PDB file of N, CA and C in Angstrom:
ATOM      1  N   MET A   1      15.548  30.158  48.792  1.00  0.00           N
ATOM      2  CA  MET A   1      14.247  29.876  49.368  1.00  0.00           C
ATOM      3  C   MET A   1      13.864  28.433  49.036  1.00  0.00           C
ATOM      4  N   PRO A   2      13.587  27.597  50.017  1.00  0.00           N
ATOM      5  CA  PRO A   2      13.218  26.204  49.764  1.00  0.00           C
ATOM      6  C   PRO A   2      11.818  26.112  49.145  1.00  0.00           C
ATOM      7  N   ILE A   3      11.644  25.091  48.324  1.00  0.00           N
ATOM      8  CA  ILE A   3      10.352  24.860  47.674  1.00  0.00           C
ATOM      9  C   ILE A   3       9.479  24.024  48.595  1.00  0.00           C
ATOM     10  N   ASN A   4       8.259  24.468  48.783  1.00  0.00           N
ATOM     11  CA  ASN A   4       7.283  23.723  49.570  1.00  0.00           C
ATOM     12  C   ASN A   4       6.797  22.566  48.697  1.00  0.00           C
ATOM     13  N   LEU A   5       7.158  21.329  49.044  1.00  0.00           N
ATOM     14  CA  LEU A   5       6.867  20.168  48.219  1.00  0.00           C
ATOM     15  C   LEU A   5       5.379  19.987  47.925  1.00  0.00           C
ATOM     16  N   PRO A   6       4.470  20.048  48.893  1.00  0.00           N
ATOM     17  CA  PRO A   6       3.045  19.890  48.566  1.00  0.00           C
ATOM     18  C   PRO A   6       2.548  20.959  47.583  1.00  0.00           C
ATOM     19  N   THR A   7       3.004  22.190  47.760  1.00  0.00           N
ATOM     20  CA  THR A   7       2.595  23.258  46.852  1.00  0.00           C
ATOM     21  C   THR A   7       3.136  22.992  45.449  1.00  0.00           C
ATOM     22  N   PHE A   8       4.383  22.529  45.369  1.00  0.00           N
ATOM     23  CA  PHE A   8       4.993  22.218  44.090  1.00  0.00           C
ATOM     24  C   PHE A   8       4.227  21.100  43.375  1.00  0.00           C
ATOM     25  N   VAL A   9       3.861  20.044  44.087  1.00  0.00           N
ATOM     26  CA  VAL A   9       3.130  18.918  43.505  1.00  0.00           C
ATOM     27  C   VAL A   9       1.777  19.380  42.970  1.00  0.00           C
ATOM     28  N   VAL A  10       1.070  20.197  43.721  1.00  0.00           N
ATOM     29  CA  VAL A  10      -0.225  20.718  43.270  1.00  0.00           C
ATOM     30  C   VAL A  10      -0.042  21.571  42.022  1.00  0.00           C
ATOM     31  N   ALA A  11       0.978  22.429  42.014  1.00  0.00           N
ATOM     32  CA  ALA A  11       1.221  23.306  40.865  1.00  0.00           C
ATOM     33  C   ALA A  11       1.524  22.495  39.608  1.00  0.00           C
ATOM     34  N   VAL A  12       2.339  21.458  39.738  1.00  0.00           N
ATOM     35  CA  VAL A  12       2.668  20.610  38.588  1.00  0.00           C
ATOM     36  C   VAL A  12       1.420  19.859  38.114  1.00  0.00           C
ATOM     37  N   SER A  13       0.614  19.381  39.034  1.00  0.00           N
ATOM     38  CA  SER A  13      -0.619  18.670  38.661  1.00  0.00           C
ATOM     39  C   SER A  13      -1.579  19.574  37.911  1.00  0.00           C
ATOM     40  N   VAL A  14      -1.747  20.785  38.374  1.00  0.00           N
ATOM     41  CA  VAL A  14      -2.628  21.747  37.705  1.00  0.00           C
ATOM     42  C   VAL A  14      -2.102  22.052  36.313  1.00  0.00           C
ATOM     43  N   ALA A  15      -0.805  22.265  36.190  1.00  0.00           N
ATOM     44  CA  ALA A  15      -0.203  22.564  34.888  1.00  0.00           C
ATOM     45  C   ALA A  15      -0.382  21.391  33.929  1.00  0.00           C
ATOM     46  N   ALA A  16      -0.176  20.186  34.411  1.00  0.00           N
ATOM     47  CA  ALA A  16      -0.330  19.004  33.558  1.00  0.00           C
ATOM     48  C   ALA A  16      -1.774  18.841  33.111  1.00  0.00           C
ATOM     49  N   THR A  17      -2.707  19.079  34.012  1.00  0.00           N
ATOM     50  CA  THR A  17      -4.119  18.984  33.664  1.00  0.00           C
ATOM     51  C   THR A  17      -4.486  20.024  32.627  1.00  0.00           C
ATOM     52  N   ALA A  18      -3.961  21.211  32.748  1.00  0.00           N
ATOM     53  CA  ALA A  18      -4.244  22.271  31.779  1.00  0.00           C
ATOM     54  C   ALA A  18      -3.736  21.895  30.402  1.00  0.00           C
ATOM     55  N   CYS A  19      -2.602  21.213  30.331  1.00  0.00           N
ATOM     56  CA  CYS A  19      -2.047  20.812  29.040  1.00  0.00           C
ATOM     57  C   CYS A  19      -2.828  19.664  28.416  1.00  0.00           C
ATOM     58  N   VAL A  20      -3.308  18.745  29.214  1.00  0.00           N
ATOM     59  CA  VAL A  20      -4.017  17.581  28.712  1.00  0.00           C
ATOM     60  C   VAL A  20      -5.498  17.871  28.535  1.00  0.00           C
ATOM     61  N   GLY A  21      -6.037  18.790  29.261  1.00  0.00           N
ATOM     62  CA  GLY A  21      -7.460  19.089  29.251  1.00  0.00           C
ATOM     63  C   GLY A  21      -8.083  19.209  27.879  1.00  0.00           C
ATOM     64  N   PRO A  22      -7.542  20.039  26.972  1.00  0.00           N
ATOM     65  CA  PRO A  22      -8.157  20.180  25.658  1.00  0.00           C
ATOM     66  C   PRO A  22      -8.196  18.880  24.872  1.00  0.00           C
ATOM     67  N   VAL A  23      -7.198  18.033  25.018  1.00  0.00           N
ATOM     68  CA  VAL A  23      -7.189  16.766  24.305  1.00  0.00           C
ATOM     69  C   VAL A  23      -8.327  15.885  24.809  1.00  0.00           C
ATOM     70  N   LEU A  24      -8.534  15.886  26.117  1.00  0.00           N
ATOM     71  CA  LEU A  24      -9.581  15.055  26.693  1.00  0.00           C
ATOM     72  C   LEU A  24     -10.966  15.643  26.509  1.00  0.00           C
ATOM     73  N   ALA A  25     -11.040  16.905  26.142  1.00  0.00           N
ATOM     74  CA  ALA A  25     -12.320  17.577  26.057  1.00  0.00           C
ATOM     75  C   ALA A  25     -13.038  17.344  24.738  1.00  0.00           C
ATOM     76  N   ALA A  26     -12.441  16.643  23.788  1.00  0.00           N
ATOM     77  CA  ALA A  26     -13.089  16.410  22.501  1.00  0.00           C
ATOM     78  C   ALA A  26     -14.433  15.714  22.722  1.00  0.00           C
ATOM     79  N   ASP A  27     -15.438  16.183  22.013  1.00  0.00           N
ATOM     80  CA  ASP A  27     -16.805  15.700  22.188  1.00  0.00           C
ATOM     81  C   ASP A  27     -17.264  15.000  20.907  1.00  0.00           C
ATOM     82  N   ALA A  28     -17.282  13.676  20.939  1.00  0.00           N
ATOM     83  CA  ALA A  28     -17.655  12.895  19.759  1.00  0.00           C
ATOM     84  C   ALA A  28     -19.083  13.188  19.306  1.00  0.00           C
ATOM     85  N   ARG A  29     -19.981  13.447  20.242  1.00  0.00           N
ATOM     86  CA  ARG A  29     -21.368  13.762  19.865  1.00  0.00           C
ATOM     87  C   ARG A  29     -21.440  15.057  19.062  1.00  0.00           C
ATOM     88  N   GLN A  30     -20.705  16.047  19.536  1.00  0.00           N
ATOM     89  CA  GLN A  30     -20.630  17.313  18.809  1.00  0.00           C
ATOM     90  C   GLN A  30     -19.947  17.083  17.459  1.00  0.00           C
ATOM     91  N   GLY A  31     -18.941  16.219  17.439  1.00  0.00           N
ATOM     92  CA  GLY A  31     -18.252  15.886  16.195  1.00  0.00           C
ATOM     93  C   GLY A  31     -19.185  15.244  15.191  1.00  0.00           C
ATOM     94  N   GLU A  32     -20.081  14.394  15.656  1.00  0.00           N
ATOM     95  CA  GLU A  32     -21.062  13.776  14.762  1.00  0.00           C
ATOM     96  C   GLU A  32     -21.968  14.841  14.148  1.00  0.00           C
ATOM     97  N   ALA A  33     -22.443  15.766  14.967  1.00  0.00           N
ATOM     98  CA  ALA A  33     -23.301  16.837  14.448  1.00  0.00           C
ATOM     99  C   ALA A  33     -22.553  17.690  13.424  1.00  0.00           C
ATOM    100  N   LEU A  34     -21.299  18.009  13.714  1.00  0.00           N
ATOM    101  CA  LEU A  34     -20.492  18.789  12.774  1.00  0.00           C
ATOM    102  C   LEU A  34     -20.258  18.017  11.484  1.00  0.00           C
ATOM    103  N   ALA A  35     -19.966  16.728  11.601  1.00  0.00           N
ATOM    104  CA  ALA A  35     -19.719  15.899  10.422  1.00  0.00           C
ATOM    105  C   ALA A  35     -20.960  15.834   9.539  1.00  0.00           C
ATOM    106  N   LYS A  36     -22.114  15.683  10.155  1.00  0.00           N
ATOM    107  CA  LYS A  36     -23.351  15.634   9.375  1.00  0.00           C
ATOM    108  C   LYS A  36     -23.622  16.968   8.690  1.00  0.00           C
ATOM    109  N   ARG A  37     -23.198  18.038   9.323  1.00  0.00           N
ATOM    110  CA  ARG A  37     -23.410  19.374   8.749  1.00  0.00           C
ATOM    111  C   ARG A  37     -22.407  19.695   7.645  1.00  0.00           C
ATOM    112  N   TRP A  38     -21.120  19.423   7.898  1.00  0.00           N
ATOM    113  CA  TRP A  38     -20.066  19.871   6.993  1.00  0.00           C
ATOM    114  C   TRP A  38     -19.521  18.790   6.056  1.00  0.00           C
ATOM    115  N   CYS A  39     -19.587  17.554   6.438  1.00  0.00           N
ATOM    116  CA  CYS A  39     -18.851  16.514   5.712  1.00  0.00           C
ATOM    117  C   CYS A  39     -19.734  15.554   4.920  1.00  0.00           C
ATOM    118  N   ALA A  40     -21.018  15.471   5.273  1.00  0.00           N
ATOM    119  CA  ALA A  40     -21.897  14.457   4.697  1.00  0.00           C
ATOM    120  C   ALA A  40     -22.219  14.681   3.223  1.00  0.00           C
ATOM    121  N   THR A  41     -21.916  15.828   2.692  1.00  0.00           N
ATOM    122  CA  THR A  41     -22.135  16.056   1.262  1.00  0.00           C
ATOM    123  C   THR A  41     -21.231  15.139   0.447  1.00  0.00           C
ATOM    124  N   CYS A  42     -20.020  14.932   0.935  1.00  0.00           N
ATOM    125  CA  CYS A  42     -19.052  14.108   0.203  1.00  0.00           C
ATOM    126  C   CYS A  42     -18.804  12.750   0.852  1.00  0.00           C
ATOM    127  N   HIS A  43     -18.691  12.721   2.174  1.00  0.00           N
ATOM    128  CA  HIS A  43     -18.365  11.491   2.901  1.00  0.00           C
ATOM    129  C   HIS A  43     -19.620  10.869   3.496  1.00  0.00           C
ATOM    130  N   ILE A  44     -19.623   9.554   3.576  1.00  0.00           N
ATOM    131  CA  ILE A  44     -20.637   8.891   4.387  1.00  0.00           C
ATOM    132  C   ILE A  44     -20.100   8.949   5.808  1.00  0.00           C
ATOM    133  N   VAL A  45     -20.802   9.679   6.666  1.00  0.00           N
ATOM    134  CA  VAL A  45     -20.310   9.944   8.014  1.00  0.00           C
ATOM    135  C   VAL A  45     -21.028   9.134   9.086  1.00  0.00           C
ATOM    136  N   ALA A  46     -22.126   8.485   8.721  1.00  0.00           N
ATOM    137  CA  ALA A  46     -22.901   7.717   9.697  1.00  0.00           C
ATOM    138  C   ALA A  46     -23.531   6.510   9.018  1.00  0.00           C
ATOM    139  N   SER A  47     -23.809   5.491   9.788  1.00  0.00           N
ATOM    140  CA  SER A  47     -24.355   4.252   9.227  1.00  0.00           C
ATOM    141  C   SER A  47     -25.751   4.444   8.639  1.00  0.00           C
ATOM    142  N   ASP A  48     -26.461   5.464   9.070  1.00  0.00           N
ATOM    143  CA  ASP A  48     -27.807   5.694   8.535  1.00  0.00           C
ATOM    144  C   ASP A  48     -27.809   6.590   7.300  1.00  0.00           C
ATOM    145  N   GLN A  49     -26.647   7.020   6.864  1.00  0.00           N
ATOM    146  CA  GLN A  49     -26.553   7.872   5.675  1.00  0.00           C
ATOM    147  C   GLN A  49     -26.553   6.985   4.430  1.00  0.00           C
ATOM    148  N   THR A  50     -27.319   7.363   3.433  1.00  0.00           N
ATOM    149  CA  THR A  50     -27.457   6.507   2.253  1.00  0.00           C
ATOM    150  C   THR A  50     -26.651   6.968   1.046  1.00  0.00           C
ATOM    151  N   SER A  51     -26.171   8.203   1.050  1.00  0.00           N
ATOM    152  CA  SER A  51     -25.418   8.641  -0.125  1.00  0.00           C
ATOM    153  C   SER A  51     -24.246   9.518   0.268  1.00  0.00           C
ATOM    154  N   GLY A  52     -23.276   9.532  -0.610  1.00  0.00           N
ATOM    155  CA  GLY A  52     -22.071  10.336  -0.482  1.00  0.00           C
ATOM    156  C   GLY A  52     -21.358  10.266  -1.806  1.00  0.00           C
ATOM    157  N   ASN A  53     -20.217  10.875  -1.919  1.00  0.00           N
ATOM    158  CA  ASN A  53     -19.436  10.820  -3.141  1.00  0.00           C
ATOM    159  C   ASN A  53     -18.650   9.509  -3.125  1.00  0.00           C
ATOM    160  N   ALA A  54     -18.819   8.694  -4.155  1.00  0.00           N
ATOM    161  CA  ALA A  54     -18.157   7.391  -4.204  1.00  0.00           C
ATOM    162  C   ALA A  54     -16.633   7.509  -4.204  1.00  0.00           C
ATOM    163  N   ALA A  55     -16.105   8.666  -4.580  1.00  0.00           N
ATOM    164  CA  ALA A  55     -14.654   8.856  -4.644  1.00  0.00           C
ATOM    165  C   ALA A  55     -14.042   9.238  -3.298  1.00  0.00           C
ATOM    166  N   THR A  56     -14.865   9.469  -2.295  1.00  0.00           N
ATOM    167  CA  THR A  56     -14.344   9.862  -0.989  1.00  0.00           C
ATOM    168  C   THR A  56     -14.517   8.720   0.010  1.00  0.00           C
ATOM    169  N   PRO A  57     -13.572   8.569   0.911  1.00  0.00           N
ATOM    170  CA  PRO A  57     -13.689   7.477   1.887  1.00  0.00           C
ATOM    171  C   PRO A  57     -14.789   7.754   2.913  1.00  0.00           C
ATOM    172  N   THR A  58     -15.374   6.701   3.404  1.00  0.00           N
ATOM    173  CA  THR A  58     -16.334   6.844   4.490  1.00  0.00           C
ATOM    174  C   THR A  58     -15.570   7.153   5.774  1.00  0.00           C
ATOM    175  N   PHE A  59     -16.247   7.748   6.730  1.00  0.00           N
ATOM    176  CA  PHE A  59     -15.596   8.023   8.008  1.00  0.00           C
ATOM    177  C   PHE A  59     -15.199   6.721   8.703  1.00  0.00           C
ATOM    178  N   ALA A  60     -16.023   5.684   8.564  1.00  0.00           N
ATOM    179  CA  ALA A  60     -15.697   4.400   9.194  1.00  0.00           C
ATOM    180  C   ALA A  60     -14.414   3.818   8.595  1.00  0.00           C
ATOM    181  N   SER A  61     -14.237   3.963   7.271  1.00  0.00           N
ATOM    182  CA  SER A  61     -13.019   3.423   6.656  1.00  0.00           C
ATOM    183  C   SER A  61     -11.796   4.241   7.062  1.00  0.00           C
ATOM    184  N   ILE A  62     -11.965   5.541   7.255  1.00  0.00           N
ATOM    185  CA  ILE A  62     -10.864   6.384   7.730  1.00  0.00           C
ATOM    186  C   ILE A  62     -10.449   5.926   9.129  1.00  0.00           C
ATOM    187  N   ALA A  63     -11.432   5.646   9.968  1.00  0.00           N
ATOM    188  CA  ALA A  63     -11.156   5.228  11.349  1.00  0.00           C
ATOM    189  C   ALA A  63     -10.405   3.901  11.412  1.00  0.00           C
ATOM    190  N   LYS A  64     -10.594   3.064  10.415  1.00  0.00           N
ATOM    191  CA  LYS A  64      -9.985   1.728  10.433  1.00  0.00           C
ATOM    192  C   LYS A  64      -8.656   1.668   9.682  1.00  0.00           C
ATOM    193  N   ARG A  65      -8.187   2.793   9.172  1.00  0.00           N
ATOM    194  CA  ARG A  65      -6.904   2.805   8.464  1.00  0.00           C
ATOM    195  C   ARG A  65      -5.758   2.545   9.438  1.00  0.00           C
ATOM    196  N   PRO A  66      -4.751   1.811   8.970  1.00  0.00           N
ATOM    197  CA  PRO A  66      -3.575   1.605   9.824  1.00  0.00           C
ATOM    198  C   PRO A  66      -2.941   2.955  10.171  1.00  0.00           C
ATOM    199  N   GLY A  67      -2.578   3.106  11.404  1.00  0.00           N
ATOM    200  CA  GLY A  67      -1.942   4.352  11.831  1.00  0.00           C
ATOM    201  C   GLY A  67      -2.906   5.474  12.145  1.00  0.00           C
ATOM    202  N   PHE A  68      -4.211   5.216  12.069  1.00  0.00           N
ATOM    203  CA  PHE A  68      -5.191   6.259  12.382  1.00  0.00           C
ATOM    204  C   PHE A  68      -5.028   6.723  13.822  1.00  0.00           C
ATOM    205  N   THR A  69      -5.042   8.032  13.999  1.00  0.00           N
ATOM    206  CA  THR A  69      -5.143   8.612  15.334  1.00  0.00           C
ATOM    207  C   THR A  69      -6.041   9.838  15.230  1.00  0.00           C
ATOM    208  N   PRO A  70      -6.782  10.128  16.272  1.00  0.00           N
ATOM    209  CA  PRO A  70      -7.593  11.345  16.247  1.00  0.00           C
ATOM    210  C   PRO A  70      -6.740  12.596  16.023  1.00  0.00           C
ATOM    211  N   ALA A  71      -5.542  12.620  16.603  1.00  0.00           N
ATOM    212  CA  ALA A  71      -4.679  13.793  16.433  1.00  0.00           C
ATOM    213  C   ALA A  71      -4.289  13.992  14.971  1.00  0.00           C
ATOM    214  N   ALA A  72      -3.992  12.911  14.270  1.00  0.00           N
ATOM    215  CA  ALA A  72      -3.614  13.017  12.856  1.00  0.00           C
ATOM    216  C   ALA A  72      -4.777  13.540  12.019  1.00  0.00           C
ATOM    217  N   VAL A  73      -5.981  13.056  12.289  1.00  0.00           N
ATOM    218  CA  VAL A  73      -7.151  13.531  11.545  1.00  0.00           C
ATOM    219  C   VAL A  73      -7.425  14.994  11.859  1.00  0.00           C
ATOM    220  N   ALA A  74      -7.351  15.368  13.121  1.00  0.00           N
ATOM    221  CA  ALA A  74      -7.586  16.765  13.499  1.00  0.00           C
ATOM    222  C   ALA A  74      -6.576  17.677  12.804  1.00  0.00           C
ATOM    223  N   ASN A  75      -5.314  17.271  12.768  1.00  0.00           N
ATOM    224  CA  ASN A  75      -4.298  18.072  12.076  1.00  0.00           C
ATOM    225  C   ASN A  75      -4.577  18.150  10.585  1.00  0.00           C
ATOM    226  N   PHE A  76      -5.013  17.056   9.996  1.00  0.00           N
ATOM    227  CA  PHE A  76      -5.368  17.047   8.578  1.00  0.00           C
ATOM    228  C   PHE A  76      -6.500  18.047   8.307  1.00  0.00           C
ATOM    229  N   LEU A  77      -7.495  18.072   9.167  1.00  0.00           N
ATOM    230  CA  LEU A  77      -8.634  18.973   8.974  1.00  0.00           C
ATOM    231  C   LEU A  77      -8.259  20.441   9.144  1.00  0.00           C
ATOM    232  N   ARG A  78      -7.215  20.704   9.903  1.00  0.00           N
ATOM    233  CA  ARG A  78      -6.792  22.091  10.136  1.00  0.00           C
ATOM    234  C   ARG A  78      -6.016  22.669   8.959  1.00  0.00           C
ATOM    235  N   ASP A  79      -5.552  21.809   8.082  1.00  0.00           N
ATOM    236  CA  ASP A  79      -4.745  22.241   6.945  1.00  0.00           C
ATOM    237  C   ASP A  79      -5.583  22.092   5.673  1.00  0.00           C
ATOM    238  N   PRO A  80      -5.978  23.204   5.040  1.00  0.00           N
ATOM    239  CA  PRO A  80      -6.823  23.104   3.835  1.00  0.00           C
ATOM    240  C   PRO A  80      -6.162  22.258   2.744  1.00  0.00           C
ATOM    241  N   HIS A  81      -6.959  21.478   2.046  1.00  0.00           N
ATOM    242  CA  HIS A  81      -6.493  20.614   0.974  1.00  0.00           C
ATOM    243  C   HIS A  81      -7.281  20.925  -0.292  1.00  0.00           C
ATOM    244  N   PRO A  82      -6.671  20.769  -1.442  1.00  0.00           N
ATOM    245  CA  PRO A  82      -7.333  21.133  -2.697  1.00  0.00           C
ATOM    246  C   PRO A  82      -8.681  20.440  -2.920  1.00  0.00           C
ATOM    247  N   LYS A  83      -8.800  19.188  -2.510  1.00  0.00           N
ATOM    248  CA  LYS A  83     -10.042  18.459  -2.751  1.00  0.00           C
ATOM    249  C   LYS A  83     -11.109  18.721  -1.697  1.00  0.00           C
ATOM    250  N   MET A  84     -10.731  19.398  -0.613  1.00  0.00           N
ATOM    251  CA  MET A  84     -11.683  19.677   0.461  1.00  0.00           C
ATOM    252  C   MET A  84     -11.877  21.183   0.595  1.00  0.00           C
ATOM    253  N   PRO A  85     -13.108  21.597   0.825  1.00  0.00           N
ATOM    254  CA  PRO A  85     -13.320  23.039   1.048  1.00  0.00           C
ATOM    255  C   PRO A  85     -12.706  23.467   2.376  1.00  0.00           C
ATOM    256  N   ASP A  86     -12.290  24.707   2.458  1.00  0.00           N
ATOM    257  CA  ASP A  86     -11.776  25.244   3.717  1.00  0.00           C
ATOM    258  C   ASP A  86     -12.995  25.641   4.548  1.00  0.00           C
ATOM    259  N   MET A  87     -13.310  24.834   5.535  1.00  0.00           N
ATOM    260  CA  MET A  87     -14.513  25.058   6.334  1.00  0.00           C
ATOM    261  C   MET A  87     -14.256  25.983   7.511  1.00  0.00           C
ATOM    262  N   ALA A  88     -13.006  26.388   7.692  1.00  0.00           N
ATOM    263  CA  ALA A  88     -12.623  27.285   8.789  1.00  0.00           C
ATOM    264  C   ALA A  88     -13.135  26.777  10.137  1.00  0.00           C
ATOM    265  N   LEU A  89     -12.896  25.500  10.382  1.00  0.00           N
ATOM    266  CA  LEU A  89     -13.300  24.903  11.653  1.00  0.00           C
ATOM    267  C   LEU A  89     -12.324  25.316  12.744  1.00  0.00           C
ATOM    268  N   SER A  90     -12.848  25.475  13.939  1.00  0.00           N
ATOM    269  CA  SER A  90     -11.989  25.801  15.079  1.00  0.00           C
ATOM    270  C   SER A  90     -11.205  24.559  15.495  1.00  0.00           C
ATOM    271  N   ARG A  91     -10.219  24.762  16.333  1.00  0.00           N
ATOM    272  CA  ARG A  91      -9.422  23.654  16.855  1.00  0.00           C
ATOM    273  C   ARG A  91     -10.326  22.671  17.608  1.00  0.00           C
ATOM    274  N   ALA A  92     -11.236  23.181  18.406  1.00  0.00           N
ATOM    275  CA  ALA A  92     -12.150  22.310  19.157  1.00  0.00           C
ATOM    276  C   ALA A  92     -13.044  21.522  18.204  1.00  0.00           C
ATOM    277  N   GLU A  93     -13.511  22.153  17.140  1.00  0.00           N
ATOM    278  CA  GLU A  93     -14.373  21.457  16.179  1.00  0.00           C
ATOM    279  C   GLU A  93     -13.625  20.341  15.457  1.00  0.00           C
ATOM    280  N   THR A  94     -12.368  20.592  15.064  1.00  0.00           N
ATOM    281  CA  THR A  94     -11.605  19.525  14.410  1.00  0.00           C
ATOM    282  C   THR A  94     -11.329  18.387  15.390  1.00  0.00           C
ATOM    283  N   ASP A  95     -11.081  18.724  16.648  1.00  0.00           N
ATOM    284  CA  ASP A  95     -10.891  17.685  17.668  1.00  0.00           C
ATOM    285  C   ASP A  95     -12.173  16.872  17.857  1.00  0.00           C
ATOM    286  N   ASP A  96     -13.317  17.542  17.840  1.00  0.00           N
ATOM    287  CA  ASP A  96     -14.602  16.855  18.005  1.00  0.00           C
ATOM    288  C   ASP A  96     -14.870  15.910  16.832  1.00  0.00           C
ATOM    289  N   ILE A  97     -14.627  16.377  15.615  1.00  0.00           N
ATOM    290  CA  ILE A  97     -14.837  15.518  14.440  1.00  0.00           C
ATOM    291  C   ILE A  97     -13.891  14.319  14.503  1.00  0.00           C
ATOM    292  N   ALA A  98     -12.649  14.553  14.862  1.00  0.00           N
ATOM    293  CA  ALA A  98     -11.688  13.449  14.974  1.00  0.00           C
ATOM    294  C   ALA A  98     -12.118  12.456  16.049  1.00  0.00           C
ATOM    295  N   ALA A  99     -12.652  12.955  17.153  1.00  0.00           N
ATOM    296  CA  ALA A  99     -13.144  12.048  18.218  1.00  0.00           C
ATOM    297  C   ALA A  99     -14.314  11.220  17.717  1.00  0.00           C
ATOM    298  N   TYR A 100     -15.177  11.834  16.921  1.00  0.00           N
ATOM    299  CA  TYR A 100     -16.308  11.093  16.342  1.00  0.00           C
ATOM    300  C   TYR A 100     -15.809   9.998  15.400  1.00  0.00           C
ATOM    301  N   ILE A 101     -14.870  10.348  14.527  1.00  0.00           N
ATOM    302  CA  ILE A 101     -14.334   9.355  13.604  1.00  0.00           C
ATOM    303  C   ILE A 101     -13.710   8.195  14.384  1.00  0.00           C
ATOM    304  N   ALA A 102     -13.028   8.505  15.459  1.00  0.00           N
ATOM    305  CA  ALA A 102     -12.372   7.460  16.255  1.00  0.00           C
ATOM    306  C   ALA A 102     -13.350   6.429  16.797  1.00  0.00           C
ATOM    307  N   ILE A 103     -14.539   6.855  17.178  1.00  0.00           N
ATOM    308  CA  ILE A 103     -15.490   5.882  17.732  1.00  0.00           C
ATOM    309  C   ILE A 103     -16.065   4.967  16.644  1.00  0.00           C
ATOM    310  N   LEU A 104     -15.886   5.343  15.373  1.00  0.00           N
ATOM    311  CA  LEU A 104     -16.392   4.525  14.278  1.00  0.00           C
ATOM    312  C   LEU A 104     -15.496   3.322  13.983  1.00  0.00           C
ATOM    313  N   ALA A 105     -14.334   3.291  14.575  1.00  0.00           N
ATOM    314  CA  ALA A 105     -13.403   2.171  14.356  1.00  0.00           C
ATOM    315  C   ALA A 105     -13.890   0.901  15.042  1.00  0.00           C
ATOM    316  N   LYS A 106     -14.830   1.024  15.927  1.00  0.00           N
ATOM    317  CA  LYS A 106     -15.302  -0.132  16.705  1.00  0.00           C
ATOM    318  C   LYS A 106     -16.310  -0.928  15.956  1.00  0.00           C
TER     319      LYS A 106
END
């Protein structure tokens, strides 16, 4: 049975969009709200924040680290670490926080 080329192109486009969609859906505004709720006790997460733990990096400094990528930060947040509480954030929430951190590099 021959493949209908226009149908095939549409099917591949839809599949590609479905795979990329979640990556593009990260919401930095939501990430800022989450960061202020979950992270501001230890990290300085915004320029208007006046206190944090001096031993923890600011979100702006994390964003400016060589090799920083939102994906790397999101993966880091998904894996509990001894110095960080396990906040049980969803995949979308970690993506949102990472997107927020990324905008701080500017």
